[in-house]
């Protein structure tokens, strides 16, 4: 899980934003806790804040990307350097509405790379076989994971889970997330 950025578009530090009593990074971690043996959160900017927030989660380990200023792909590589297991999810830490059922559907697909798709639009997280990590780590030509994936075979899992598309980048996104949480809490 990537939580190393500056949050510059939002104007506030995203991982620590509170949405109905929980920090954004905690909401992002939640659907993975039952399905994953180990959760790696890559930190960078204000790493001590993220460390403090996630320390109470037993399955979570943080790793500091000292090169976070070089962009998200450097954080991807930092997280992959600690990888264990046969497959791994990769997601930014600002997706608070992912459903565990979507992750389960993705895990049922035995492809090298699996991406969720909501009404034709590709989302997060990405699920990959760990055998691909070595290729990503050694790639010095691709500027991003998206560019690296462009040359790979990807399988898609269609889902009604719009949480695969809902990230928080702006203040308007944050307000929309708070409203959605409130509406969900009020629903019978």
N, C-alpha and C. Protein backbone atom coordinates (compact mmCIF):
# COMPACT_ATOMS: atom_id res chain seq x y z
N UNK A 1 0.84 -1.17 0.00
CA UNK A 1 0.00 0.00 0.00
C UNK A 1 0.89 1.23 0.00
N UNK A 2 0.59 2.15 -0.89
CA UNK A 2 1.43 3.32 -1.09
C UNK A 2 0.89 4.52 -0.32
N UNK A 3 1.71 5.05 0.58
CA UNK A 3 1.31 6.21 1.39
C UNK A 3 2.51 7.13 1.59
N UNK A 4 3.24 7.39 0.53
CA UNK A 4 4.50 8.14 0.63
C UNK A 4 4.42 9.56 0.08
N UNK A 5 3.34 9.88 -0.63
CA UNK A 5 3.28 11.14 -1.36
C UNK A 5 3.08 12.37 -0.50
N UNK A 6 3.12 13.51 -1.17
CA UNK A 6 3.02 14.81 -0.52
C UNK A 6 1.58 15.26 -0.28
N UNK A 7 0.61 14.61 -0.92
CA UNK A 7 -0.81 15.02 -0.82
C UNK A 7 -0.99 16.46 -1.27
N UNK A 8 -0.23 16.90 -2.25
CA UNK A 8 -0.21 18.31 -2.64
C UNK A 8 -1.52 18.81 -3.23
N UNK A 9 -2.25 17.97 -3.96
CA UNK A 9 -3.52 18.42 -4.55
C UNK A 9 -4.59 18.64 -3.49
N UNK A 10 -4.48 17.92 -2.39
CA UNK A 10 -5.49 18.03 -1.34
C UNK A 10 -5.20 19.18 -0.38
N UNK A 11 -3.93 19.44 -0.15
CA UNK A 11 -3.59 20.49 0.80
C UNK A 11 -3.61 20.04 2.24
N UNK A 12 -3.79 18.76 2.47
CA UNK A 12 -3.74 18.16 3.81
C UNK A 12 -3.12 16.78 3.65
N UNK A 13 -2.55 16.24 4.72
CA UNK A 13 -1.88 14.94 4.64
C UNK A 13 -2.93 13.83 4.60
N UNK A 14 -3.10 13.21 3.43
CA UNK A 14 -4.18 12.25 3.19
C UNK A 14 -4.25 11.09 4.17
N UNK A 15 -3.17 10.37 4.42
CA UNK A 15 -3.31 9.19 5.27
C UNK A 15 -3.92 9.48 6.65
N UNK A 16 -3.71 10.70 7.14
CA UNK A 16 -4.20 11.05 8.48
C UNK A 16 -5.59 11.67 8.48
N UNK A 17 -6.16 11.92 7.30
CA UNK A 17 -7.50 12.49 7.25
C UNK A 17 -8.49 11.57 7.96
N UNK A 18 -9.36 12.15 8.73
CA UNK A 18 -10.35 11.35 9.46
C UNK A 18 -11.67 11.37 8.70
N UNK A 19 -12.22 10.19 8.52
CA UNK A 19 -13.53 10.03 7.91
C UNK A 19 -14.36 9.21 8.88
N UNK A 20 -15.31 9.88 9.51
CA UNK A 20 -16.18 9.23 10.50
C UNK A 20 -15.38 8.40 11.51
N UNK A 21 -14.38 9.02 12.11
CA UNK A 21 -13.65 8.41 13.21
C UNK A 21 -12.45 7.55 12.86
N UNK A 22 -12.24 7.27 11.60
CA UNK A 22 -11.08 6.45 11.21
C UNK A 22 -10.22 7.22 10.22
N UNK A 23 -8.92 7.02 10.30
CA UNK A 23 -8.01 7.66 9.36
C UNK A 23 -8.15 6.99 7.99
N UNK A 24 -7.92 7.77 6.96
CA UNK A 24 -8.03 7.28 5.58
C UNK A 24 -7.18 6.04 5.36
N UNK A 25 -5.95 6.04 5.84
CA UNK A 25 -5.07 4.88 5.63
C UNK A 25 -5.63 3.63 6.32
N UNK A 26 -6.29 3.80 7.47
CA UNK A 26 -6.90 2.66 8.15
C UNK A 26 -8.07 2.11 7.35
N UNK A 27 -8.86 3.00 6.78
CA UNK A 27 -9.99 2.56 5.93
C UNK A 27 -9.47 1.82 4.70
N UNK A 28 -8.34 2.28 4.16
CA UNK A 28 -7.75 1.63 2.99
C UNK A 28 -7.21 0.24 3.34
N UNK A 29 -6.66 0.09 4.53
CA UNK A 29 -6.10 -1.19 4.98
C UNK A 29 -7.18 -2.22 5.28
N UNK A 30 -8.29 -1.78 5.82
CA UNK A 30 -9.33 -2.67 6.37
C UNK A 30 -9.73 -3.85 5.49
N UNK A 31 -10.06 -3.67 4.21
CA UNK A 31 -10.52 -4.83 3.44
C UNK A 31 -9.44 -5.88 3.18
N UNK A 32 -8.20 -5.52 3.37
CA UNK A 32 -7.09 -6.45 3.12
C UNK A 32 -6.75 -7.30 4.34
N UNK A 33 -7.17 -6.88 5.52
CA UNK A 33 -6.70 -7.54 6.75
C UNK A 33 -7.13 -8.99 6.88
N UNK A 34 -8.31 -9.33 6.39
CA UNK A 34 -8.77 -10.71 6.49
C UNK A 34 -8.20 -11.61 5.39
N UNK A 35 -7.78 -11.01 4.29
CA UNK A 35 -7.35 -11.79 3.13
C UNK A 35 -5.84 -11.88 2.96
N UNK A 36 -5.11 -10.99 3.59
CA UNK A 36 -3.66 -10.93 3.39
C UNK A 36 -2.91 -11.30 4.67
N UNK A 37 -1.83 -12.05 4.52
CA UNK A 37 -1.02 -12.43 5.67
C UNK A 37 -0.16 -11.27 6.16
N UNK A 38 0.20 -10.39 5.24
CA UNK A 38 1.14 -9.31 5.55
C UNK A 38 0.77 -8.10 4.70
N UNK A 39 0.74 -6.93 5.30
CA UNK A 39 0.44 -5.69 4.59
C UNK A 39 1.63 -4.76 4.75
N UNK A 40 2.20 -4.36 3.64
CA UNK A 40 3.34 -3.44 3.65
C UNK A 40 2.83 -2.06 3.24
N UNK A 41 3.05 -1.09 4.10
CA UNK A 41 2.69 0.29 3.80
C UNK A 41 3.98 1.05 3.54
N UNK A 42 4.10 1.60 2.34
CA UNK A 42 5.29 2.36 1.97
C UNK A 42 5.07 3.82 2.36
N UNK A 43 5.97 4.33 3.18
CA UNK A 43 5.86 5.70 3.66
C UNK A 43 6.93 6.57 3.02
N UNK A 44 6.79 7.85 3.18
CA UNK A 44 7.76 8.81 2.66
C UNK A 44 7.57 10.11 3.41
N UNK A 45 6.85 11.03 2.79
CA UNK A 45 6.53 12.31 3.41
C UNK A 45 5.75 12.06 4.71
N UNK A 46 6.21 12.66 5.79
CA UNK A 46 5.57 12.53 7.12
C UNK A 46 5.42 11.06 7.54
N UNK A 47 6.45 10.31 7.32
CA UNK A 47 6.42 8.87 7.62
C UNK A 47 6.05 8.58 9.06
N UNK A 48 6.49 9.44 9.99
CA UNK A 48 6.21 9.19 11.41
C UNK A 48 4.71 9.23 11.68
N UNK A 49 3.96 10.02 10.96
CA UNK A 49 2.50 10.07 11.13
C UNK A 49 1.89 8.73 10.72
N UNK A 50 2.31 8.22 9.56
CA UNK A 50 1.76 6.94 9.08
C UNK A 50 2.18 5.82 10.03
N UNK A 51 3.44 5.81 10.45
CA UNK A 51 3.91 4.79 11.39
C UNK A 51 3.03 4.76 12.64
N UNK A 52 2.73 5.93 13.17
CA UNK A 52 1.93 6.02 14.40
C UNK A 52 0.50 5.52 14.17
N UNK A 53 -0.08 5.85 13.03
CA UNK A 53 -1.46 5.44 12.74
C UNK A 53 -1.56 3.93 12.58
N UNK A 54 -0.65 3.32 11.84
CA UNK A 54 -0.79 1.89 11.50
C UNK A 54 -0.15 0.94 12.50
N UNK A 55 0.56 1.45 13.48
CA UNK A 55 1.29 0.57 14.40
C UNK A 55 0.37 -0.38 15.17
N UNK A 56 -0.87 -0.03 15.34
CA UNK A 56 -1.80 -0.89 16.09
C UNK A 56 -2.36 -2.05 15.26
N UNK A 57 -2.03 -2.09 13.99
CA UNK A 57 -2.50 -3.16 13.12
C UNK A 57 -1.41 -4.23 13.01
N UNK A 58 -1.69 -5.41 13.53
CA UNK A 58 -0.69 -6.47 13.65
C UNK A 58 -0.07 -6.91 12.33
N UNK A 59 -0.83 -6.95 11.28
CA UNK A 59 -0.33 -7.45 10.00
C UNK A 59 0.44 -6.40 9.19
N UNK A 60 0.48 -5.18 9.68
CA UNK A 60 1.06 -4.08 8.91
C UNK A 60 2.51 -3.83 9.29
N UNK A 61 3.35 -3.71 8.26
CA UNK A 61 4.74 -3.29 8.40
C UNK A 61 4.91 -2.05 7.53
N UNK A 62 5.63 -1.08 8.03
CA UNK A 62 5.92 0.09 7.20
C UNK A 62 7.37 0.02 6.72
N UNK A 63 7.58 0.59 5.55
CA UNK A 63 8.93 0.71 5.01
C UNK A 63 9.05 2.13 4.44
N UNK A 64 10.14 2.77 4.77
CA UNK A 64 10.35 4.16 4.36
C UNK A 64 11.03 4.23 3.00
N UNK A 65 10.41 4.95 2.08
CA UNK A 65 11.01 5.19 0.77
C UNK A 65 11.71 6.54 0.82
N UNK A 66 12.99 6.51 0.99
CA UNK A 66 13.77 7.76 1.07
C UNK A 66 13.77 8.51 -0.26
N UNK A 67 13.35 7.85 -1.32
CA UNK A 67 13.29 8.48 -2.65
C UNK A 67 11.86 8.79 -3.07
N UNK A 68 10.96 8.97 -2.11
CA UNK A 68 9.55 9.20 -2.44
C UNK A 68 9.36 10.41 -3.37
N UNK A 69 10.24 11.37 -3.30
CA UNK A 69 10.14 12.55 -4.15
C UNK A 69 10.32 12.21 -5.64
N UNK A 70 10.82 11.00 -5.95
CA UNK A 70 10.99 10.58 -7.33
C UNK A 70 9.69 10.04 -7.95
N UNK A 71 8.66 9.89 -7.13
CA UNK A 71 7.37 9.47 -7.65
C UNK A 71 6.92 8.10 -7.17
N UNK A 72 5.70 7.77 -7.56
CA UNK A 72 5.04 6.56 -7.07
C UNK A 72 5.76 5.27 -7.45
N UNK A 73 6.38 5.22 -8.63
CA UNK A 73 7.03 3.98 -9.04
C UNK A 73 8.19 3.64 -8.11
N UNK A 74 8.84 4.65 -7.56
CA UNK A 74 9.92 4.38 -6.60
C UNK A 74 9.34 3.75 -5.33
N UNK A 75 8.13 4.14 -4.95
CA UNK A 75 7.48 3.54 -3.78
C UNK A 75 7.02 2.13 -4.06
N UNK A 76 6.54 1.90 -5.27
CA UNK A 76 6.17 0.53 -5.67
C UNK A 76 7.38 -0.38 -5.50
N UNK A 77 8.51 0.04 -6.03
CA UNK A 77 9.72 -0.78 -5.96
C UNK A 77 10.17 -0.99 -4.52
N UNK A 78 10.07 0.03 -3.70
CA UNK A 78 10.47 -0.10 -2.29
C UNK A 78 9.61 -1.15 -1.60
N UNK A 79 8.31 -1.12 -1.82
CA UNK A 79 7.41 -2.12 -1.22
C UNK A 79 7.70 -3.52 -1.72
N UNK A 80 7.99 -3.65 -3.01
CA UNK A 80 8.26 -4.97 -3.58
C UNK A 80 9.54 -5.58 -3.03
N UNK A 81 10.43 -4.75 -2.55
CA UNK A 81 11.69 -5.27 -2.00
C UNK A 81 11.47 -6.08 -0.72
N UNK A 82 10.31 -5.94 -0.08
CA UNK A 82 9.99 -6.71 1.13
C UNK A 82 8.99 -7.82 0.89
N UNK A 83 8.67 -8.05 -0.33
CA UNK A 83 7.60 -8.96 -0.70
C UNK A 83 7.86 -10.41 -0.30
N UNK A 84 6.80 -11.07 0.13
CA UNK A 84 6.82 -12.52 0.35
C UNK A 84 5.47 -13.05 -0.09
N UNK A 85 5.39 -14.34 -0.31
CA UNK A 85 4.13 -14.93 -0.75
C UNK A 85 4.09 -15.10 -2.26
N UNK A 86 3.03 -15.75 -2.72
CA UNK A 86 2.89 -16.07 -4.14
C UNK A 86 2.28 -14.94 -4.96
N UNK A 87 1.42 -14.14 -4.32
CA UNK A 87 0.78 -13.03 -5.02
C UNK A 87 0.69 -11.84 -4.09
N UNK A 88 0.49 -10.67 -4.68
CA UNK A 88 0.38 -9.47 -3.87
C UNK A 88 -0.59 -8.48 -4.51
N UNK A 89 -1.26 -7.73 -3.65
CA UNK A 89 -2.07 -6.60 -4.08
C UNK A 89 -1.20 -5.36 -4.03
N UNK A 90 -1.46 -4.44 -4.92
CA UNK A 90 -0.76 -3.16 -4.92
C UNK A 90 -1.82 -2.08 -5.10
N UNK A 91 -1.83 -1.13 -4.16
CA UNK A 91 -2.83 -0.07 -4.22
C UNK A 91 -2.34 1.19 -3.54
N UNK A 92 -2.79 2.33 -4.03
CA UNK A 92 -2.53 3.57 -3.30
C UNK A 92 -3.32 3.53 -1.97
N UNK A 93 -2.85 4.26 -1.01
CA UNK A 93 -3.48 4.26 0.32
C UNK A 93 -4.62 5.24 0.47
N UNK A 94 -5.19 5.70 -0.65
CA UNK A 94 -6.30 6.66 -0.57
C UNK A 94 -7.58 6.12 -1.18
N UNK A 95 -7.76 4.81 -1.12
CA UNK A 95 -8.98 4.16 -1.60
C UNK A 95 -9.76 3.61 -0.40
N UNK A 96 -10.65 4.41 0.19
CA UNK A 96 -11.30 4.02 1.43
C UNK A 96 -12.52 3.12 1.28
N UNK A 97 -12.98 2.86 0.06
CA UNK A 97 -14.24 2.14 -0.10
C UNK A 97 -14.14 0.80 -0.81
N UNK A 98 -12.95 0.23 -0.90
CA UNK A 98 -12.80 -1.09 -1.51
C UNK A 98 -13.55 -2.12 -0.67
N UNK A 99 -14.15 -3.08 -1.34
CA UNK A 99 -14.88 -4.14 -0.64
C UNK A 99 -14.06 -5.43 -0.64
N UNK A 100 -14.10 -6.13 0.47
CA UNK A 100 -13.39 -7.41 0.58
C UNK A 100 -13.87 -8.39 -0.49
N UNK A 101 -15.14 -8.34 -0.82
CA UNK A 101 -15.68 -9.26 -1.83
C UNK A 101 -15.03 -9.05 -3.19
N UNK A 102 -14.69 -7.81 -3.50
CA UNK A 102 -13.99 -7.53 -4.76
C UNK A 102 -12.61 -8.16 -4.74
N UNK A 103 -11.92 -8.03 -3.61
CA UNK A 103 -10.60 -8.63 -3.49
C UNK A 103 -10.69 -10.15 -3.61
N UNK A 104 -11.72 -10.75 -3.02
CA UNK A 104 -11.92 -12.20 -3.13
C UNK A 104 -12.15 -12.61 -4.59
N UNK A 105 -12.97 -11.82 -5.30
CA UNK A 105 -13.20 -12.11 -6.72
C UNK A 105 -11.90 -12.05 -7.51
N UNK A 106 -11.08 -11.09 -7.20
CA UNK A 106 -9.79 -10.97 -7.89
C UNK A 106 -8.90 -12.16 -7.59
N UNK A 107 -8.88 -12.59 -6.33
CA UNK A 107 -8.06 -13.74 -5.94
C UNK A 107 -8.51 -15.02 -6.62
N UNK A 108 -9.75 -15.11 -7.04
CA UNK A 108 -10.24 -16.31 -7.71
C UNK A 108 -9.76 -16.40 -9.16
N UNK A 109 -9.18 -15.34 -9.66
CA UNK A 109 -8.63 -15.31 -11.03
C UNK A 109 -7.14 -15.66 -10.97
N UNK A 110 -6.74 -16.67 -11.73
CA UNK A 110 -5.37 -17.17 -11.65
C UNK A 110 -4.45 -16.58 -12.72
N UNK A 111 -4.63 -15.34 -13.06
CA UNK A 111 -3.78 -14.68 -14.06
C UNK A 111 -2.57 -14.03 -13.39
N UNK A 112 -1.57 -13.70 -14.19
CA UNK A 112 -0.38 -13.04 -13.67
C UNK A 112 -0.71 -11.65 -13.10
N UNK A 113 -1.57 -10.91 -13.82
CA UNK A 113 -1.96 -9.57 -13.40
C UNK A 113 -3.48 -9.47 -13.50
N UNK A 114 -4.11 -9.03 -12.41
CA UNK A 114 -5.56 -8.90 -12.36
C UNK A 114 -5.90 -7.47 -11.93
N UNK A 115 -6.81 -6.85 -12.69
CA UNK A 115 -7.23 -5.48 -12.41
C UNK A 115 -8.76 -5.46 -12.34
N UNK A 116 -9.32 -4.80 -11.33
CA UNK A 116 -10.77 -4.68 -11.27
C UNK A 116 -11.26 -3.62 -12.27
N UNK A 117 -12.48 -3.81 -12.75
CA UNK A 117 -13.05 -2.87 -13.71
C UNK A 117 -14.50 -2.63 -13.34
N UNK A 118 -14.85 -1.35 -13.22
CA UNK A 118 -16.23 -0.97 -12.88
C UNK A 118 -16.81 -0.23 -14.08
N UNK A 119 -17.83 -0.83 -14.70
CA UNK A 119 -18.47 -0.25 -15.90
C UNK A 119 -17.44 0.16 -16.95
N UNK A 120 -16.47 -0.72 -17.17
CA UNK A 120 -15.47 -0.52 -18.21
C UNK A 120 -14.27 0.31 -17.81
N UNK A 121 -14.31 0.92 -16.61
CA UNK A 121 -13.19 1.76 -16.17
C UNK A 121 -12.29 0.98 -15.22
N UNK A 122 -10.99 0.96 -15.53
CA UNK A 122 -10.02 0.22 -14.73
C UNK A 122 -9.78 0.92 -13.40
N UNK A 123 -9.64 0.12 -12.33
CA UNK A 123 -9.45 0.69 -11.00
C UNK A 123 -8.32 0.04 -10.23
N UNK A 124 -8.42 0.12 -8.92
CA UNK A 124 -7.44 -0.43 -7.98
C UNK A 124 -8.16 -1.35 -7.01
N UNK A 125 -7.43 -2.28 -6.44
CA UNK A 125 -5.99 -2.53 -6.51
C UNK A 125 -5.63 -3.37 -7.73
N UNK A 126 -4.34 -3.57 -7.91
CA UNK A 126 -3.81 -4.50 -8.90
C UNK A 126 -3.35 -5.73 -8.12
N UNK A 127 -3.65 -6.90 -8.63
CA UNK A 127 -3.19 -8.15 -8.04
C UNK A 127 -2.18 -8.77 -9.01
N UNK A 128 -1.02 -9.14 -8.48
CA UNK A 128 0.02 -9.72 -9.34
C UNK A 128 0.64 -10.95 -8.69
N UNK A 129 1.16 -11.80 -9.54
CA UNK A 129 1.97 -12.91 -9.06
C UNK A 129 3.33 -12.37 -8.66
N UNK A 130 3.85 -12.85 -7.58
CA UNK A 130 5.13 -12.35 -7.05
C UNK A 130 6.30 -12.58 -7.99
N UNK A 131 6.17 -13.53 -8.89
CA UNK A 131 7.24 -13.77 -9.85
C UNK A 131 7.51 -12.55 -10.74
N UNK A 132 6.56 -11.63 -10.83
CA UNK A 132 6.74 -10.42 -11.63
C UNK A 132 7.53 -9.33 -10.91
N UNK A 133 7.68 -9.46 -9.60
CA UNK A 133 8.35 -8.43 -8.82
C UNK A 133 9.79 -8.20 -9.29
N UNK A 134 10.49 -9.27 -9.60
CA UNK A 134 11.88 -9.14 -10.04
C UNK A 134 11.98 -8.30 -11.31
N UNK A 135 11.03 -8.50 -12.22
CA UNK A 135 11.00 -7.74 -13.46
C UNK A 135 10.74 -6.26 -13.18
N UNK A 136 9.82 -5.96 -12.28
CA UNK A 136 9.52 -4.57 -11.93
C UNK A 136 10.73 -3.93 -11.27
N UNK A 137 11.33 -4.63 -10.32
CA UNK A 137 12.48 -4.08 -9.60
C UNK A 137 13.67 -3.79 -10.51
N UNK A 138 13.82 -4.56 -11.56
CA UNK A 138 14.97 -4.36 -12.45
C UNK A 138 14.66 -3.40 -13.61
N UNK A 139 13.42 -2.95 -13.70
CA UNK A 139 13.02 -2.06 -14.80
C UNK A 139 13.46 -0.63 -14.53
N UNK A 140 14.37 -0.14 -15.35
CA UNK A 140 14.82 1.24 -15.25
C UNK A 140 14.27 2.10 -16.39
N UNK A 141 13.54 1.47 -17.31
CA UNK A 141 13.04 2.20 -18.48
C UNK A 141 11.64 2.76 -18.29
N UNK A 142 10.81 2.05 -17.54
CA UNK A 142 9.42 2.50 -17.38
C UNK A 142 9.33 3.60 -16.33
N UNK A 143 8.61 4.68 -16.64
CA UNK A 143 8.46 5.77 -15.66
C UNK A 143 7.39 5.50 -14.61
N UNK A 144 6.56 4.48 -14.86
CA UNK A 144 5.46 4.19 -13.93
C UNK A 144 5.06 2.73 -14.04
N UNK A 145 4.31 2.28 -13.05
CA UNK A 145 3.79 0.91 -13.10
C UNK A 145 2.80 0.77 -14.25
N UNK A 146 2.01 1.79 -14.48
CA UNK A 146 1.05 1.76 -15.59
C UNK A 146 1.79 1.52 -16.91
N UNK A 147 2.90 2.21 -17.10
CA UNK A 147 3.67 2.03 -18.33
C UNK A 147 4.28 0.63 -18.38
N UNK A 148 4.76 0.13 -17.26
CA UNK A 148 5.32 -1.22 -17.21
C UNK A 148 4.24 -2.24 -17.58
N UNK A 149 3.03 -2.05 -17.05
CA UNK A 149 1.93 -2.99 -17.30
C UNK A 149 1.44 -2.96 -18.74
N UNK A 150 1.70 -1.88 -19.43
CA UNK A 150 1.26 -1.72 -20.81
C UNK A 150 1.77 -2.83 -21.72
N UNK A 151 2.89 -3.41 -21.35
CA UNK A 151 3.53 -4.44 -22.17
C UNK A 151 3.27 -5.85 -21.63
N UNK A 152 2.30 -5.95 -20.74
CA UNK A 152 2.00 -7.24 -20.10
C UNK A 152 0.56 -7.64 -20.40
N UNK A 153 0.29 -8.91 -20.21
CA UNK A 153 -1.07 -9.42 -20.36
C UNK A 153 -1.81 -9.21 -19.04
N UNK A 154 -2.96 -8.54 -19.12
CA UNK A 154 -3.74 -8.22 -17.93
C UNK A 154 -5.12 -8.85 -18.06
N UNK A 155 -5.59 -9.45 -16.98
CA UNK A 155 -6.96 -9.96 -16.91
C UNK A 155 -7.79 -8.99 -16.07
N UNK A 156 -9.05 -8.86 -16.44
CA UNK A 156 -9.93 -7.93 -15.73
C UNK A 156 -11.04 -8.68 -15.03
N UNK A 157 -11.38 -8.19 -13.84
CA UNK A 157 -12.51 -8.71 -13.09
C UNK A 157 -13.54 -7.58 -13.04
N UNK A 158 -14.68 -7.79 -13.70
CA UNK A 158 -15.72 -6.78 -13.69
C UNK A 158 -16.46 -6.83 -12.36
N UNK A 159 -16.71 -5.65 -11.81
CA UNK A 159 -17.32 -5.55 -10.50
C UNK A 159 -18.31 -4.41 -10.43
N UNK A 160 -19.29 -4.53 -9.57
CA UNK A 160 -20.22 -3.44 -9.28
C UNK A 160 -19.68 -2.56 -8.17
N UNK A 161 -18.52 -2.89 -7.64
CA UNK A 161 -17.89 -2.14 -6.55
C UNK A 161 -17.27 -0.86 -7.10
N UNK A 162 -17.97 0.27 -6.91
CA UNK A 162 -17.42 1.54 -7.40
C UNK A 162 -16.27 2.03 -6.52
N UNK A 163 -16.01 1.35 -5.41
CA UNK A 163 -14.88 1.68 -4.55
C UNK A 163 -13.54 1.48 -5.23
N UNK A 164 -13.51 0.70 -6.31
CA UNK A 164 -12.26 0.49 -7.05
C UNK A 164 -11.84 1.74 -7.81
N UNK A 165 -12.76 2.70 -7.92
CA UNK A 165 -12.48 3.96 -8.63
C UNK A 165 -12.40 5.16 -7.71
N UNK A 166 -12.85 5.02 -6.47
CA UNK A 166 -13.00 6.16 -5.57
C UNK A 166 -11.75 6.38 -4.74
N UNK A 167 -10.91 7.32 -5.18
CA UNK A 167 -9.76 7.71 -4.38
C UNK A 167 -9.95 9.16 -3.96
N UNK A 168 -9.16 9.60 -3.03
CA UNK A 168 -9.28 10.96 -2.51
C UNK A 168 -8.03 11.74 -2.89
N UNK A 169 -8.22 12.63 -3.87
CA UNK A 169 -7.12 13.46 -4.34
C UNK A 169 -7.33 14.94 -4.03
N UNK A 170 -8.59 15.35 -3.93
CA UNK A 170 -8.91 16.77 -3.74
C UNK A 170 -9.82 16.95 -2.54
N UNK A 171 -10.00 18.20 -2.15
CA UNK A 171 -10.91 18.51 -1.05
C UNK A 171 -12.34 18.07 -1.40
N UNK A 172 -12.75 18.24 -2.65
CA UNK A 172 -14.08 17.81 -3.09
C UNK A 172 -14.24 16.29 -2.94
N UNK A 173 -13.19 15.53 -3.24
CA UNK A 173 -13.24 14.07 -3.06
C UNK A 173 -13.43 13.72 -1.59
N UNK A 174 -12.74 14.45 -0.72
CA UNK A 174 -12.83 14.22 0.72
C UNK A 174 -14.25 14.50 1.23
N UNK A 175 -14.84 15.59 0.79
CA UNK A 175 -16.22 15.93 1.18
C UNK A 175 -17.18 14.86 0.68
N UNK A 176 -16.99 14.41 -0.56
CA UNK A 176 -17.83 13.35 -1.12
C UNK A 176 -17.69 12.06 -0.32
N UNK A 177 -16.48 11.73 0.12
CA UNK A 177 -16.27 10.52 0.92
C UNK A 177 -16.99 10.63 2.26
N UNK A 178 -16.89 11.77 2.90
CA UNK A 178 -17.60 11.96 4.18
C UNK A 178 -19.09 11.82 4.00
N UNK A 179 -19.64 12.39 2.95
CA UNK A 179 -21.08 12.29 2.67
C UNK A 179 -21.49 10.85 2.42
N UNK A 180 -20.68 10.14 1.65
CA UNK A 180 -20.98 8.74 1.34
C UNK A 180 -20.97 7.90 2.61
N UNK A 181 -20.00 8.11 3.48
CA UNK A 181 -19.94 7.36 4.75
C UNK A 181 -21.17 7.67 5.59
N UNK A 182 -21.57 8.93 5.65
CA UNK A 182 -22.75 9.32 6.43
C UNK A 182 -24.01 8.67 5.88
N UNK A 183 -24.18 8.68 4.54
CA UNK A 183 -25.35 8.06 3.92
C UNK A 183 -25.38 6.56 4.17
N UNK A 184 -24.22 5.93 4.10
CA UNK A 184 -24.13 4.49 4.34
C UNK A 184 -24.48 4.16 5.78
N UNK A 185 -24.03 4.98 6.71
CA UNK A 185 -24.30 4.76 8.13
C UNK A 185 -25.77 4.95 8.46
N UNK A 186 -26.44 5.85 7.73
CA UNK A 186 -27.85 6.13 7.98
C UNK A 186 -28.77 5.12 7.32
N UNK A 187 -28.29 4.38 6.33
CA UNK A 187 -29.13 3.44 5.59
C UNK A 187 -29.59 2.32 6.50
N UNK A 188 -30.86 1.88 6.32
CA UNK A 188 -31.38 0.80 7.18
C UNK A 188 -30.73 -0.53 6.92
